[in-house]
Amino acid sequence: MTLHLVQVRGRLTWWMWTIRDSAGVLVEESKTQFLSAAAAESQGRARIAEFEALRAQRPGR
């Protein structure tokens, strides 16, 4: 899975993230806007860890 940070410009600069699987298919995107790239990256990496933990728990994988 890969994490992509997206800068959204307006009155303020916001950051959002998307998570894509190895085929490039969108798995999830942030539903909130973050005030910094670091905050967005931290949250996105936490979500990837959750997805990977769930995948590891599934039988047959």
Protein backbone atom coordinates (compact mmCIF):
# COMPACT_ATOMS: atom_id res chain seq x y z
CA MET A 1 0.00 0.00 0.00
CA THR A 2 1.17 3.50 -0.72
CA LEU A 3 0.30 6.80 0.87
CA HIS A 4 -0.17 9.89 -1.27
CA LEU A 5 -0.33 13.34 0.32
CA VAL A 6 -2.31 15.99 -1.53
CA GLN A 7 -1.91 19.71 -0.93
CA VAL A 8 -5.19 21.61 -1.18
CA ARG A 9 -4.83 25.35 -1.58
CA GLY A 10 -7.47 27.87 -0.70
CA ARG A 11 -7.52 30.59 1.91
CA LEU A 12 -5.36 28.20 3.93
CA THR A 13 -3.22 25.31 2.79
CA TRP A 14 -4.66 21.97 3.84
CA TRP A 15 -3.40 18.43 3.37
CA MET A 16 -5.37 15.31 2.58
CA TRP A 17 -4.21 11.74 1.93
CA THR A 18 -5.16 8.77 -0.19
CA ILE A 19 -4.14 5.16 0.26
CA ARG A 20 -3.75 2.96 -2.82
CA ASP A 21 -3.05 -0.75 -3.06
CA SER A 22 -0.20 -2.23 -5.08
CA ALA A 23 -2.36 -2.12 -8.25
CA GLY A 24 -3.01 1.60 -7.76
CA VAL A 25 -6.65 1.14 -6.73
CA LEU A 26 -7.95 3.68 -4.22
CA VAL A 27 -8.46 1.99 -0.85
CA GLU A 28 -9.30 5.02 1.29
CA GLU A 29 -8.90 8.78 1.41
CA SER A 30 -8.99 11.22 4.29
CA LYS A 31 -12.36 12.64 5.13
CA THR A 32 -10.82 15.51 7.05
CA GLN A 33 -8.29 18.11 6.12
CA PHE A 34 -5.07 18.36 8.09
CA LEU A 35 -3.26 21.56 8.98
CA SER A 36 0.15 20.11 8.15
CA ALA A 37 1.68 17.49 5.89
CA ALA A 38 3.16 15.80 8.97
CA ALA A 39 -0.27 15.37 10.57
CA ALA A 40 -1.75 13.97 7.35
CA GLU A 41 1.16 11.58 6.88
CA SER A 42 0.98 10.37 10.46
CA GLN A 43 -2.74 9.61 10.20
CA GLY A 44 -2.36 7.99 6.79
CA ARG A 45 0.46 5.73 7.99
CA ALA A 46 -1.65 4.71 11.00
CA ARG A 47 -4.48 3.70 8.65
CA ILE A 48 -2.10 1.65 6.50
CA ALA A 49 -0.91 -0.14 9.64
CA GLU A 50 -4.55 -0.92 10.52
CA PHE A 51 -5.22 -2.32 7.04
CA GLU A 52 -2.08 -4.44 7.17
CA ALA A 53 -2.94 -5.77 10.65
CA LEU A 54 -6.41 -6.77 9.43
CA ARG A 55 -4.91 -8.47 6.38
CA ALA A 56 -2.46 -10.41 8.57
CA GLN A 57 -5.34 -11.70 10.72
CA ARG A 58 -7.28 -13.15 7.78
CA PRO A 59 -6.90 -16.90 7.33
CA GLY A 60 -5.29 -18.05 4.10
CA ARG A 61 -3.17 -14.94 3.54
